Protein backbone atom coordinates (compact mmCIF):
# COMPACT_ATOMS: atom_id res chain seq x y z
CA UNK A 1 75.69 -39.41 172.25
CA UNK A 2 77.29 -37.82 169.51
CA UNK A 3 79.18 -34.95 169.66
CA UNK A 4 80.01 -31.75 167.70
CA UNK A 5 81.99 -28.88 168.02
CA UNK A 6 80.77 -25.78 166.96
CA UNK A 7 83.88 -23.49 167.01
CA UNK A 8 82.33 -20.22 164.88
CA UNK A 9 80.39 -19.09 161.88
CA UNK A 10 83.06 -20.81 159.48
CA UNK A 11 81.27 -24.15 160.29
CA UNK A 12 77.36 -23.20 160.27
CA UNK A 13 78.23 -23.57 156.04
CA UNK A 14 78.96 -27.66 156.72
CA UNK A 15 76.69 -28.27 159.61
CA UNK A 16 73.86 -26.87 157.17
CA UNK A 17 74.24 -29.75 155.52
CA UNK A 18 73.36 -31.92 158.11
CA UNK A 19 70.20 -30.63 158.88
CA UNK A 20 68.27 -33.32 156.42
CA UNK A 21 71.33 -36.07 156.72
CA UNK A 22 73.35 -36.63 159.44
CA UNK A 23 71.27 -35.17 162.01
CA UNK A 24 67.45 -36.57 161.36
CA UNK A 25 69.39 -40.35 160.44
CA UNK A 26 71.23 -39.83 164.20
CA UNK A 27 67.88 -39.30 165.99
CA UNK A 28 65.98 -41.95 163.99
CA UNK A 29 68.63 -44.16 165.43
CA UNK A 30 68.16 -43.15 168.84
CA UNK A 31 70.85 -41.09 169.50
CA UNK A 32 71.07 -38.26 171.59
CA UNK A 33 73.08 -34.96 169.84
CA UNK A 34 75.96 -33.15 172.08
CA UNK A 35 76.62 -29.87 170.79
CA UNK A 36 80.01 -27.78 172.09
CA UNK A 37 79.87 -24.44 171.53
CA UNK A 38 83.18 -22.68 171.81
CA UNK A 39 84.92 -19.49 171.44
CA UNK A 40 88.75 -19.02 170.75
CA UNK A 41 88.77 -15.98 169.31
CA UNK A 42 91.03 -13.09 170.24
CA UNK A 43 90.69 -11.11 173.31
CA UNK A 44 89.54 -7.21 173.30
CA UNK A 45 87.25 -4.55 174.80
CA UNK A 46 84.22 -5.14 174.30
CA UNK A 47 81.54 -2.31 175.15
CA UNK A 48 78.69 -3.82 177.04
CA UNK A 49 75.34 -2.69 179.25
CA UNK A 50 77.43 -3.58 182.36
CA UNK A 51 80.30 -1.13 181.22
CA UNK A 52 83.18 -1.27 179.50
CA UNK A 53 84.09 -5.46 179.50
CA UNK A 54 87.95 -7.25 177.84
CA UNK A 55 87.29 -10.48 176.42
CA UNK A 56 86.33 -12.28 173.42
CA UNK A 57 83.88 -10.75 171.17
CA UNK A 58 82.02 -13.14 169.37
CA UNK A 59 79.95 -14.53 171.97
CA UNK A 60 79.05 -11.32 172.98
CA UNK A 61 78.34 -9.56 169.06
CA UNK A 62 75.17 -8.68 167.18
CA UNK A 63 75.61 -11.72 164.93
CA UNK A 64 76.02 -14.70 167.62
CA UNK A 65 71.84 -14.66 168.15
CA UNK A 66 71.04 -15.33 164.20
CA UNK A 67 73.86 -18.01 164.22
CA UNK A 68 72.73 -19.50 167.04
CA UNK A 69 69.49 -19.57 165.73
CA UNK A 70 70.83 -21.46 162.56
CA UNK A 71 72.56 -23.50 164.37
CA UNK A 72 69.69 -24.63 166.51
CA UNK A 73 67.70 -25.10 162.95
CA UNK A 74 70.19 -27.80 162.20
CA UNK A 75 70.24 -29.71 165.01
CA UNK A 76 66.93 -29.44 165.83
CA UNK A 77 65.03 -32.76 166.77
CA UNK A 78 61.01 -33.93 167.91
CA UNK A 79 60.47 -32.89 171.35
CA UNK A 80 59.43 -36.44 172.13
CA UNK A 81 63.04 -38.00 170.38
CA UNK A 82 65.84 -38.25 171.60
CA UNK A 83 67.57 -34.80 173.46
CA UNK A 84 70.38 -32.28 172.04
CA UNK A 85 72.32 -31.55 174.43
CA UNK A 86 74.10 -27.92 174.35
CA UNK A 87 77.45 -27.21 175.60
CA UNK A 88 77.88 -23.62 175.69
CA UNK A 89 80.44 -20.98 176.45
CA UNK A 90 82.99 -24.12 177.03
CA UNK A 91 85.62 -23.03 179.38
CA UNK A 92 83.92 -19.59 179.37
CA UNK A 93 86.29 -18.59 182.16
CA UNK A 94 88.80 -18.18 179.80
CA UNK A 95 87.19 -15.49 177.73
CA UNK A 96 87.48 -12.43 179.70
CA UNK A 97 91.07 -10.36 179.41
CA UNK A 98 91.08 -11.36 183.30
CA UNK A 99 90.70 -15.56 183.63
CA UNK A 100 88.84 -17.64 186.10
CA UNK A 101 88.11 -14.27 188.63
CA UNK A 102 85.03 -12.49 189.24
CA UNK A 103 86.20 -9.29 190.60
CA UNK A 104 89.99 -9.17 189.87
CA UNK A 105 89.75 -6.82 186.92
CA UNK A 106 86.20 -4.57 186.58
CA UNK A 107 85.82 -4.83 182.68
CA UNK A 108 86.26 -9.17 183.80
CA UNK A 109 83.28 -8.45 185.93
CA UNK A 110 81.34 -6.35 183.30
CA UNK A 111 82.39 -9.26 181.03
CA UNK A 112 80.82 -12.20 183.05
CA UNK A 113 77.74 -10.61 183.33
CA UNK A 114 77.55 -9.94 180.04
CA UNK A 115 78.11 -13.71 178.88
CA UNK A 116 75.42 -14.12 181.58
CA UNK A 117 72.84 -12.56 179.93
CA UNK A 118 73.89 -13.90 176.56
CA UNK A 119 73.52 -17.28 178.08
CA UNK A 120 70.39 -16.53 179.22
CA UNK A 121 68.93 -15.76 175.75
CA UNK A 122 70.68 -17.95 173.89
CA UNK A 123 68.91 -20.87 176.33
CA UNK A 124 65.93 -18.96 175.73
CA UNK A 125 66.52 -19.79 172.09
CA UNK A 126 67.41 -23.04 171.38
CA UNK A 127 64.44 -23.94 173.68
CA UNK A 128 62.09 -21.75 170.94
CA UNK A 129 63.67 -23.44 168.36
CA UNK A 130 64.23 -26.85 169.19
CA UNK A 131 62.29 -28.83 171.34
CA UNK A 132 64.49 -31.46 172.35
CA UNK A 133 66.95 -28.85 173.25
CA UNK A 134 68.57 -29.12 177.12
CA UNK A 135 71.02 -26.42 177.68
CA UNK A 136 74.64 -25.39 180.33
CA UNK A 137 77.43 -23.06 181.09
CA UNK A 138 80.72 -25.49 180.26
CA UNK A 139 83.40 -24.95 182.63
CA UNK A 140 86.94 -25.26 182.21
CA UNK A 141 87.47 -28.20 184.82
CA UNK A 142 90.28 -26.77 186.80
CA UNK A 143 87.98 -23.97 188.46
CA UNK A 144 87.47 -26.58 191.97
CA UNK A 145 90.99 -26.51 192.78
CA UNK A 146 91.53 -23.64 194.32
CA UNK A 147 89.31 -20.78 196.38
CA UNK A 148 90.24 -16.85 196.47
CA UNK A 149 86.50 -15.53 197.65
CA UNK A 150 88.35 -11.53 197.91
CA UNK A 151 88.67 -11.43 193.71
CA UNK A 152 85.86 -14.37 193.48
CA UNK A 153 88.10 -16.74 191.87
CA UNK A 154 88.57 -20.95 192.21
CA UNK A 155 85.83 -22.59 193.80
CA UNK A 156 84.16 -18.71 195.00
CA UNK A 157 83.26 -17.98 190.94
CA UNK A 158 80.46 -20.85 191.57
CA UNK A 159 78.49 -18.63 193.38
CA UNK A 160 78.91 -15.81 190.92
CA UNK A 161 76.83 -18.08 188.29
CA UNK A 162 74.50 -19.12 190.52
CA UNK A 163 71.55 -17.89 188.87
CA UNK A 164 71.85 -19.30 185.34
CA UNK A 165 73.49 -22.80 186.62
CA UNK A 166 70.14 -22.97 188.96
CA UNK A 167 68.14 -21.95 185.26
CA UNK A 168 70.23 -24.30 183.15
CA UNK A 169 68.82 -27.59 181.87
CA UNK A 170 72.03 -29.59 183.03
CA UNK A 171 75.63 -28.91 184.08
CA UNK A 172 78.57 -29.13 182.21
CA UNK A 173 82.74 -28.95 181.95
CA UNK A 174 85.20 -30.43 180.85
CA UNK A 175 88.62 -32.33 182.01
CA UNK A 176 91.76 -31.69 179.76
CA UNK A 177 94.36 -31.81 182.50
CA UNK A 178 98.05 -33.72 181.25
CA UNK A 179 98.63 -35.01 184.25
CA UNK A 180 95.69 -36.48 186.15
CA UNK A 181 91.62 -35.99 185.93
CA UNK A 182 90.32 -37.68 188.63
CA UNK A 183 90.45 -35.37 191.09
CA UNK A 184 89.28 -32.24 188.78
CA UNK A 185 86.51 -34.69 187.34
CA UNK A 186 84.90 -35.38 191.06
CA UNK A 187 85.67 -32.14 192.74
CA UNK A 188 83.65 -30.61 189.87
CA UNK A 189 80.98 -33.15 189.64
CA UNK A 190 80.60 -32.42 193.52
CA UNK A 191 80.40 -27.94 192.73
CA UNK A 192 78.09 -28.46 189.92
CA UNK A 193 75.66 -31.40 191.21
CA UNK A 194 74.07 -28.98 194.06
CA UNK A 195 72.53 -27.23 190.79
CA UNK A 196 71.87 -29.95 188.87
CA UNK A 197 72.63 -33.15 186.64
CA UNK A 198 76.01 -32.81 185.51
CA UNK A 199 78.00 -33.96 182.06
CA UNK A 200 81.65 -34.13 181.41
CA UNK A 201 81.37 -32.56 178.16
CA UNK A 202 84.65 -33.23 176.08
CA UNK A 203 87.61 -35.34 178.11
CA UNK A 204 90.73 -35.74 176.51
CA UNK A 205 94.58 -34.94 178.57
CA UNK A 206 95.42 -31.63 176.39
CA UNK A 207 98.48 -33.19 175.63
CA UNK A 208 97.64 -36.58 174.07
CA UNK A 209 99.39 -38.80 176.25
CA UNK A 210 98.36 -42.34 176.04
CA UNK A 211 99.62 -43.25 179.78
CA UNK A 212 97.26 -40.10 181.58
CA UNK A 213 94.31 -41.69 178.84
CA UNK A 214 94.91 -44.99 180.15
CA UNK A 215 95.23 -44.46 184.23
CA UNK A 216 92.26 -42.11 184.19
CA UNK A 217 89.86 -44.11 182.42
CA UNK A 218 90.82 -47.44 184.56
CA UNK A 219 90.40 -45.75 187.24
CA UNK A 220 86.66 -43.89 186.11
CA UNK A 221 85.31 -46.66 184.82
CA UNK A 222 85.19 -48.79 187.37
CA UNK A 223 82.27 -49.46 190.18
CA UNK A 224 83.66 -47.45 193.37
CA UNK A 225 84.71 -43.95 190.94
CA UNK A 226 81.29 -43.77 189.02
CA UNK A 227 78.91 -44.82 192.21
CA UNK A 228 80.70 -41.58 193.81
CA UNK A 229 80.21 -39.23 190.55
CA UNK A 230 76.77 -40.30 189.52
CA UNK A 231 75.71 -39.89 193.10
CA UNK A 232 76.82 -36.84 193.06
CA UNK A 233 74.85 -35.73 189.77
CA UNK A 234 77.22 -37.46 186.94
CA UNK A 235 74.98 -38.33 184.28
CA UNK A 236 77.45 -38.24 180.82
CA UNK A 237 81.06 -38.42 179.64
CA UNK A 238 81.96 -37.22 175.97
CA UNK A 239 85.31 -38.19 174.42
CA UNK A 240 87.38 -34.99 173.51
CA UNK A 241 88.15 -37.55 170.02
CA UNK A 242 88.54 -41.16 169.47
CA UNK A 243 92.53 -40.38 168.86
CA UNK A 244 93.60 -42.26 172.08
CA UNK A 245 91.26 -45.01 171.55
CA UNK A 246 92.15 -45.89 167.95
CA UNK A 247 95.77 -46.36 169.23
CA UNK A 248 95.40 -48.84 171.85
CA UNK A 249 92.90 -52.41 170.87
CA UNK A 250 93.39 -53.39 174.32
CA UNK A 251 91.93 -50.16 175.70
CA UNK A 252 89.34 -49.59 173.19
CA UNK A 253 88.04 -53.44 174.54
CA UNK A 254 88.32 -52.24 177.65
CA UNK A 255 86.03 -48.48 177.61
CA UNK A 256 83.70 -51.00 175.04
CA UNK A 257 82.71 -53.31 178.03
CA UNK A 258 82.65 -50.55 180.04
CA UNK A 259 80.07 -48.78 178.06
CA UNK A 260 78.00 -51.81 178.01
CA UNK A 261 78.18 -52.07 181.66
CA UNK A 262 77.45 -49.13 182.74
CA UNK A 263 75.29 -47.23 179.50
CA UNK A 264 71.52 -46.11 180.44
CA UNK A 265 68.92 -45.32 178.11
């Protein structure tokens, strides 16, 4: 599986050249493609059908559907070929002006409601344009660490998105903690696996720590750990980049052997 990041409209120009080159070559080689859609733009007031919201404007903007249609055309593959996995709005809990909670702020609630509407329409668009597309809502991997039912925060946020999670083609989340990620991965797979197959969409300690990276992988890529998380729904894992693997020939060899041992077609 080959992963690409879409961070905003500026990426469409260079990605467009892939439509008749990198993308069809990858599918012809039997590779699945994975597309992460992220918005890191500034937050501010956003009018929505659900009332005044506050958050990152681009995902709710008028231009976003057209941009997604272009993106879907670039990455589309044949219906019977390898899949196109789309992890949409990754770390979306941080997009409102108030993070990680459903009703701590009315403008955040309005933003989340509008984002769910946009998720549904974008999923339908990808299904229409790219017959091999499967679309998910991509979570930040910290959400299962605590619970606050009063504000719909922590684990309570999952139930507020149960409608879109139930309609998603798969589930996805990231794991980028700077100390350890193994507990977060187990907790997120356990929570999201109730709604369907789960992908770890992008993994890497956010501080790039080689020690954390190595410790995580030496626990994750074992019979015992994978037996638990695959039972709960994990079907795929994507590295954020190759920096840590390229820095250690020994660890690269360990991961390479693990991929050969555990990979399934």
